[in-house]
N, C-alpha and C. Protein backbone atom coordinates (compact mmCIF):
# COMPACT_ATOMS: atom_id res chain seq x y z
N UNK A 1 0.82 -1.20 0.00
CA UNK A 1 0.00 0.00 0.00
C UNK A 1 0.86 1.25 0.00
N UNK A 2 1.93 1.26 0.77
CA UNK A 2 2.75 2.47 0.82
C UNK A 2 3.40 2.75 -0.53
N UNK A 3 3.75 1.72 -1.26
CA UNK A 3 4.34 1.92 -2.59
C UNK A 3 3.34 2.58 -3.52
N UNK A 4 2.10 2.12 -3.52
CA UNK A 4 1.06 2.71 -4.36
C UNK A 4 0.81 4.15 -3.94
N UNK A 5 0.75 4.39 -2.65
CA UNK A 5 0.53 5.74 -2.14
C UNK A 5 1.67 6.67 -2.56
N UNK A 6 2.88 6.20 -2.48
CA UNK A 6 4.02 7.02 -2.88
C UNK A 6 4.01 7.30 -4.39
N UNK A 7 3.58 6.32 -5.18
CA UNK A 7 3.46 6.53 -6.63
C UNK A 7 2.39 7.58 -6.93
N UNK A 8 1.27 7.51 -6.23
CA UNK A 8 0.20 8.50 -6.42
C UNK A 8 0.71 9.89 -6.06
N UNK A 9 1.45 10.00 -4.97
CA UNK A 9 2.02 11.29 -4.58
C UNK A 9 2.99 11.81 -5.64
N UNK A 10 3.84 10.93 -6.14
CA UNK A 10 4.80 11.34 -7.17
C UNK A 10 4.09 11.79 -8.44
N UNK A 11 3.07 11.06 -8.87
CA UNK A 11 2.32 11.45 -10.06
C UNK A 11 1.62 12.79 -9.86
N UNK A 12 1.05 12.99 -8.67
CA UNK A 12 0.43 14.28 -8.36
C UNK A 12 1.46 15.39 -8.36
N UNK A 13 2.64 15.11 -7.81
CA UNK A 13 3.71 16.10 -7.81
C UNK A 13 4.15 16.47 -9.21
N UNK A 14 4.25 15.48 -10.08
CA UNK A 14 4.62 15.75 -11.48
C UNK A 14 3.53 16.59 -12.15
N UNK A 15 2.28 16.23 -11.94
CA UNK A 15 1.15 16.96 -12.51
C UNK A 15 1.19 18.43 -12.09
N UNK A 16 1.31 18.67 -10.78
CA UNK A 16 1.34 20.05 -10.30
C UNK A 16 2.63 20.76 -10.69
N UNK A 17 3.71 20.03 -10.80
CA UNK A 17 4.97 20.62 -11.24
C UNK A 17 4.88 21.13 -12.67
N UNK A 18 4.24 20.35 -13.54
CA UNK A 18 4.05 20.78 -14.92
C UNK A 18 3.15 22.02 -14.97
N UNK A 19 2.10 22.02 -14.16
CA UNK A 19 1.23 23.19 -14.12
C UNK A 19 1.99 24.43 -13.65
N UNK A 20 2.79 24.27 -12.61
CA UNK A 20 3.57 25.39 -12.09
C UNK A 20 4.57 25.90 -13.11
N UNK A 21 5.25 24.98 -13.79
CA UNK A 21 6.22 25.38 -14.82
C UNK A 21 5.52 26.10 -15.96
N UNK A 22 4.34 25.66 -16.30
CA UNK A 22 3.59 26.32 -17.37
C UNK A 22 3.26 27.76 -16.97
N UNK A 23 2.89 28.00 -15.72
CA UNK A 23 2.64 29.37 -15.28
C UNK A 23 3.91 30.22 -15.33
N UNK A 24 5.05 29.62 -15.10
CA UNK A 24 6.31 30.36 -15.20
C UNK A 24 6.64 30.73 -16.64
N UNK A 25 6.50 29.77 -17.55
CA UNK A 25 7.01 29.96 -18.90
C UNK A 25 5.96 30.30 -19.94
N UNK A 26 4.69 30.04 -19.65
CA UNK A 26 3.58 30.39 -20.56
C UNK A 26 2.39 30.87 -19.73
N UNK A 27 2.56 31.99 -19.04
CA UNK A 27 1.49 32.43 -18.14
C UNK A 27 0.17 32.71 -18.85
N UNK A 28 0.22 33.24 -20.06
CA UNK A 28 -1.03 33.53 -20.77
C UNK A 28 -1.78 32.24 -21.09
N UNK A 29 -1.08 31.24 -21.58
CA UNK A 29 -1.72 29.97 -21.90
C UNK A 29 -2.24 29.27 -20.67
N UNK A 30 -1.44 29.27 -19.62
CA UNK A 30 -1.86 28.61 -18.38
C UNK A 30 -3.03 29.35 -17.73
N UNK A 31 -2.98 30.67 -17.76
CA UNK A 31 -4.03 31.48 -17.12
C UNK A 31 -5.37 31.29 -17.81
N UNK A 32 -5.34 31.09 -19.11
CA UNK A 32 -6.58 30.92 -19.87
C UNK A 32 -7.41 29.76 -19.34
N UNK A 33 -6.76 28.68 -18.96
CA UNK A 33 -7.46 27.52 -18.43
C UNK A 33 -8.07 27.76 -17.05
N UNK A 34 -7.68 28.85 -16.42
CA UNK A 34 -8.19 29.19 -15.09
C UNK A 34 -9.07 30.44 -15.13
N UNK A 35 -9.42 30.88 -16.33
CA UNK A 35 -10.23 32.08 -16.53
C UNK A 35 -9.57 33.31 -15.92
N UNK A 36 -8.24 33.36 -16.01
CA UNK A 36 -7.48 34.50 -15.51
C UNK A 36 -6.97 35.32 -16.68
N UNK A 37 -6.85 36.62 -16.46
CA UNK A 37 -6.22 37.48 -17.45
C UNK A 37 -5.56 38.64 -16.70
N UNK A 38 -4.71 39.33 -17.40
CA UNK A 38 -4.01 40.46 -16.79
C UNK A 38 -4.10 41.65 -17.73
N UNK A 39 -3.98 42.84 -17.16
CA UNK A 39 -4.06 44.06 -17.97
C UNK A 39 -2.70 44.66 -18.26
N UNK A 40 -1.65 44.09 -17.71
CA UNK A 40 -0.31 44.62 -17.96
C UNK A 40 0.75 43.81 -17.27
N UNK A 41 1.98 44.31 -17.28
CA UNK A 41 3.11 43.57 -16.69
C UNK A 41 2.92 43.22 -15.22
N UNK A 42 2.31 44.11 -14.45
CA UNK A 42 2.09 43.84 -13.03
C UNK A 42 1.17 42.62 -12.86
N UNK A 43 0.10 42.60 -13.64
CA UNK A 43 -0.83 41.47 -13.56
C UNK A 43 -0.19 40.16 -14.00
N UNK A 44 0.60 40.22 -15.09
CA UNK A 44 1.26 39.00 -15.55
C UNK A 44 2.29 38.52 -14.55
N UNK A 45 2.97 39.46 -13.89
CA UNK A 45 3.94 39.07 -12.86
C UNK A 45 3.23 38.38 -11.70
N UNK A 46 2.06 38.88 -11.34
CA UNK A 46 1.29 38.28 -10.25
C UNK A 46 0.82 36.88 -10.64
N UNK A 47 0.28 36.75 -11.84
CA UNK A 47 -0.17 35.43 -12.30
C UNK A 47 1.01 34.48 -12.38
N UNK A 48 2.10 34.94 -12.99
CA UNK A 48 3.28 34.09 -13.15
C UNK A 48 3.84 33.69 -11.78
N UNK A 49 4.03 34.64 -10.90
CA UNK A 49 4.65 34.36 -9.61
C UNK A 49 3.76 33.61 -8.65
N UNK A 50 2.56 34.08 -8.44
CA UNK A 50 1.69 33.48 -7.43
C UNK A 50 1.17 32.10 -7.84
N UNK A 51 0.74 31.99 -9.07
CA UNK A 51 0.21 30.70 -9.52
C UNK A 51 1.33 29.65 -9.62
N UNK A 52 2.49 30.08 -10.13
CA UNK A 52 3.62 29.14 -10.20
C UNK A 52 4.02 28.72 -8.79
N UNK A 53 4.05 29.66 -7.86
CA UNK A 53 4.43 29.33 -6.49
C UNK A 53 3.45 28.32 -5.89
N UNK A 54 2.16 28.54 -6.07
CA UNK A 54 1.17 27.63 -5.52
C UNK A 54 1.39 26.20 -6.03
N UNK A 55 1.47 26.06 -7.34
CA UNK A 55 1.57 24.72 -7.91
C UNK A 55 2.94 24.09 -7.69
N UNK A 56 4.00 24.87 -7.77
CA UNK A 56 5.34 24.30 -7.57
C UNK A 56 5.59 23.91 -6.11
N UNK A 57 5.10 24.70 -5.17
CA UNK A 57 5.24 24.33 -3.76
C UNK A 57 4.39 23.10 -3.46
N UNK A 58 3.19 23.04 -4.03
CA UNK A 58 2.37 21.84 -3.88
C UNK A 58 3.07 20.61 -4.44
N UNK A 59 3.67 20.77 -5.62
CA UNK A 59 4.40 19.66 -6.24
C UNK A 59 5.58 19.24 -5.37
N UNK A 60 6.33 20.20 -4.90
CA UNK A 60 7.49 19.91 -4.06
C UNK A 60 7.07 19.15 -2.80
N UNK A 61 5.99 19.58 -2.16
CA UNK A 61 5.53 18.91 -0.96
C UNK A 61 5.15 17.47 -1.20
N UNK A 62 4.45 17.21 -2.31
CA UNK A 62 4.05 15.83 -2.62
C UNK A 62 5.26 14.96 -2.94
N UNK A 63 6.17 15.49 -3.75
CA UNK A 63 7.35 14.72 -4.14
C UNK A 63 8.27 14.50 -2.95
N UNK A 64 8.51 15.52 -2.18
CA UNK A 64 9.37 15.41 -1.00
C UNK A 64 8.78 14.41 0.00
N UNK A 65 7.49 14.55 0.25
CA UNK A 65 6.84 13.62 1.18
C UNK A 65 6.93 12.18 0.72
N UNK A 66 6.73 11.96 -0.58
CA UNK A 66 6.80 10.60 -1.12
C UNK A 66 8.22 10.06 -1.08
N UNK A 67 9.17 10.87 -1.51
CA UNK A 67 10.56 10.40 -1.61
C UNK A 67 11.18 10.14 -0.25
N UNK A 68 10.90 10.99 0.71
CA UNK A 68 11.52 10.88 2.03
C UNK A 68 10.61 10.26 3.09
N UNK A 69 9.39 9.89 2.66
CA UNK A 69 8.40 9.39 3.62
C UNK A 69 8.23 10.36 4.79
N UNK A 70 8.17 11.63 4.43
CA UNK A 70 8.11 12.70 5.42
C UNK A 70 6.70 13.27 5.51
N UNK A 71 6.17 13.33 6.70
CA UNK A 71 4.80 13.80 6.86
C UNK A 71 4.68 15.32 6.82
N UNK A 72 5.68 16.04 7.28
CA UNK A 72 5.57 17.51 7.37
C UNK A 72 5.29 18.17 6.03
N UNK A 73 6.04 17.87 4.96
CA UNK A 73 5.70 18.53 3.69
C UNK A 73 4.32 18.13 3.17
N UNK A 74 3.86 16.95 3.51
CA UNK A 74 2.53 16.52 3.09
C UNK A 74 1.44 17.27 3.84
N UNK A 75 1.66 17.54 5.12
CA UNK A 75 0.69 18.32 5.90
C UNK A 75 0.61 19.74 5.36
N UNK A 76 1.76 20.33 5.04
CA UNK A 76 1.75 21.68 4.48
C UNK A 76 1.07 21.71 3.10
N UNK A 77 1.30 20.68 2.30
CA UNK A 77 0.64 20.60 1.00
C UNK A 77 -0.87 20.47 1.18
N UNK A 78 -1.28 19.65 2.13
CA UNK A 78 -2.71 19.52 2.42
C UNK A 78 -3.30 20.86 2.86
N UNK A 79 -2.57 21.61 3.66
CA UNK A 79 -3.04 22.93 4.09
C UNK A 79 -3.16 23.88 2.90
N UNK A 80 -2.19 23.85 2.03
CA UNK A 80 -2.20 24.70 0.84
C UNK A 80 -3.46 24.44 0.01
N UNK A 81 -3.73 23.18 -0.27
CA UNK A 81 -4.90 22.84 -1.08
C UNK A 81 -6.20 23.00 -0.29
N UNK A 82 -6.15 22.81 1.01
CA UNK A 82 -7.33 23.04 1.85
C UNK A 82 -7.74 24.50 1.87
N UNK A 83 -6.77 25.39 1.90
CA UNK A 83 -7.07 26.82 1.86
C UNK A 83 -7.65 27.20 0.49
N UNK A 84 -7.09 26.64 -0.58
CA UNK A 84 -7.65 26.90 -1.91
C UNK A 84 -9.09 26.40 -1.99
N UNK A 85 -9.34 25.22 -1.45
CA UNK A 85 -10.69 24.65 -1.44
C UNK A 85 -11.64 25.53 -0.63
N UNK A 86 -11.19 26.03 0.49
CA UNK A 86 -12.01 26.92 1.31
C UNK A 86 -12.35 28.19 0.56
N UNK A 87 -11.37 28.75 -0.12
CA UNK A 87 -11.62 29.95 -0.92
C UNK A 87 -12.65 29.70 -2.00
N UNK A 88 -12.56 28.56 -2.64
CA UNK A 88 -13.55 28.22 -3.68
C UNK A 88 -14.94 28.03 -3.07
N UNK A 89 -15.01 27.42 -1.90
CA UNK A 89 -16.31 27.21 -1.24
C UNK A 89 -16.93 28.55 -0.85
N UNK A 90 -16.13 29.46 -0.36
CA UNK A 90 -16.64 30.80 -0.01
C UNK A 90 -17.14 31.49 -1.28
N UNK A 91 -16.37 31.39 -2.35
CA UNK A 91 -16.79 32.00 -3.61
C UNK A 91 -18.09 31.40 -4.11
N UNK A 92 -18.22 30.08 -4.00
CA UNK A 92 -19.44 29.41 -4.43
C UNK A 92 -20.65 29.92 -3.64
N UNK A 93 -20.47 30.10 -2.34
CA UNK A 93 -21.55 30.59 -1.49
C UNK A 93 -21.88 32.06 -1.77
N UNK A 94 -20.87 32.86 -2.05
CA UNK A 94 -21.10 34.30 -2.23
C UNK A 94 -21.43 34.69 -3.66
N UNK A 95 -20.76 34.09 -4.64
CA UNK A 95 -20.94 34.51 -6.02
C UNK A 95 -21.78 33.54 -6.84
N UNK A 96 -21.96 32.34 -6.33
CA UNK A 96 -22.73 31.34 -7.05
C UNK A 96 -21.86 30.43 -7.90
N UNK A 97 -22.51 29.51 -8.55
CA UNK A 97 -21.78 28.52 -9.32
C UNK A 97 -21.49 29.03 -10.74
N UNK A 98 -20.64 28.31 -11.42
CA UNK A 98 -20.31 28.57 -12.81
C UNK A 98 -20.06 27.21 -13.45
N UNK A 99 -20.00 27.17 -14.75
CA UNK A 99 -19.82 25.90 -15.44
C UNK A 99 -18.50 25.26 -15.02
N UNK A 100 -18.57 24.02 -14.57
CA UNK A 100 -17.37 23.27 -14.17
C UNK A 100 -16.82 23.64 -12.81
N UNK A 101 -17.58 24.32 -11.97
CA UNK A 101 -17.09 24.78 -10.67
C UNK A 101 -16.59 23.65 -9.79
N UNK A 102 -17.19 22.49 -9.94
CA UNK A 102 -16.88 21.37 -9.04
C UNK A 102 -15.56 20.69 -9.37
N UNK A 103 -15.10 20.78 -10.61
CA UNK A 103 -13.89 20.04 -10.99
C UNK A 103 -12.67 20.44 -10.17
N UNK A 104 -12.32 21.74 -10.08
CA UNK A 104 -11.14 22.08 -9.28
C UNK A 104 -11.34 21.78 -7.80
N UNK A 105 -12.58 21.87 -7.33
CA UNK A 105 -12.83 21.58 -5.92
C UNK A 105 -12.60 20.10 -5.62
N UNK A 106 -13.00 19.23 -6.53
CA UNK A 106 -12.77 17.80 -6.35
C UNK A 106 -11.28 17.50 -6.37
N UNK A 107 -10.56 18.11 -7.30
CA UNK A 107 -9.11 17.89 -7.40
C UNK A 107 -8.42 18.39 -6.13
N UNK A 108 -8.78 19.56 -5.66
CA UNK A 108 -8.16 20.10 -4.44
C UNK A 108 -8.51 19.27 -3.22
N UNK A 109 -9.76 18.85 -3.12
CA UNK A 109 -10.16 18.01 -1.98
C UNK A 109 -9.43 16.67 -2.01
N UNK A 110 -9.34 16.07 -3.19
CA UNK A 110 -8.64 14.79 -3.32
C UNK A 110 -7.17 14.94 -2.96
N UNK A 111 -6.55 16.01 -3.43
CA UNK A 111 -5.13 16.24 -3.11
C UNK A 111 -4.95 16.40 -1.61
N UNK A 112 -5.83 17.16 -0.98
CA UNK A 112 -5.75 17.38 0.46
C UNK A 112 -5.91 16.06 1.23
N UNK A 113 -6.92 15.29 0.88
CA UNK A 113 -7.18 14.03 1.59
C UNK A 113 -6.04 13.04 1.37
N UNK A 114 -5.58 12.90 0.14
CA UNK A 114 -4.49 11.97 -0.14
C UNK A 114 -3.22 12.40 0.61
N UNK A 115 -2.93 13.69 0.62
CA UNK A 115 -1.74 14.16 1.33
C UNK A 115 -1.84 13.88 2.83
N UNK A 116 -3.02 14.07 3.42
CA UNK A 116 -3.19 13.80 4.85
C UNK A 116 -3.11 12.30 5.15
N UNK A 117 -3.73 11.48 4.32
CA UNK A 117 -3.63 10.03 4.52
C UNK A 117 -2.17 9.60 4.40
N UNK A 118 -1.50 10.11 3.37
CA UNK A 118 -0.09 9.75 3.17
C UNK A 118 0.77 10.21 4.33
N UNK A 119 0.51 11.40 4.86
CA UNK A 119 1.27 11.89 6.01
C UNK A 119 1.14 10.94 7.18
N UNK A 120 -0.05 10.42 7.40
CA UNK A 120 -0.28 9.49 8.49
C UNK A 120 0.38 8.14 8.23
N UNK A 121 0.16 7.60 7.05
CA UNK A 121 0.66 6.26 6.73
C UNK A 121 2.19 6.27 6.61
N UNK A 122 2.72 7.20 5.87
CA UNK A 122 4.17 7.21 5.63
C UNK A 122 4.99 7.52 6.88
N UNK A 123 4.41 8.33 7.78
CA UNK A 123 5.16 8.62 9.01
C UNK A 123 5.29 7.37 9.88
N UNK A 124 4.34 6.45 9.78
CA UNK A 124 4.41 5.21 10.54
C UNK A 124 5.34 4.18 9.91
N UNK A 125 5.59 4.34 8.60
CA UNK A 125 6.43 3.38 7.91
C UNK A 125 7.78 3.94 7.53
N UNK A 126 8.11 5.12 8.03
CA UNK A 126 9.38 5.77 7.68
C UNK A 126 10.55 4.93 8.17
N UNK A 127 11.61 4.97 7.37
CA UNK A 127 12.84 4.25 7.75
C UNK A 127 13.52 4.98 8.90
N UNK A 128 13.96 4.24 9.86
CA UNK A 128 14.65 4.85 11.02
C UNK A 128 16.11 4.52 11.00
């Protein structure tokens, strides 16, 4: 089970790493998929920096946790995605739904739950 869990974490880390890299190197293309746009260099810098940071830190946490069987980076990754999920839930309550609103929420919730389960399981099976 731990091997499968670690593979899932690594695949998630690669997925989020690619997304983060895309925000760094193709912010306009990446932003389009998130219904984001910018009006100038300041906005593009924010999209490039903040979105890349979110996804790359999430990727790092999943990969680090899987590779080192370390619970701390997985807990922080779960917190990162949990806060994003909370923000989306608040937006859903305040602004209403939009087409496909549930997809990112499911992905964020799944990432959070998997990271927390992995933090618990891997910390018990860590090499000493």
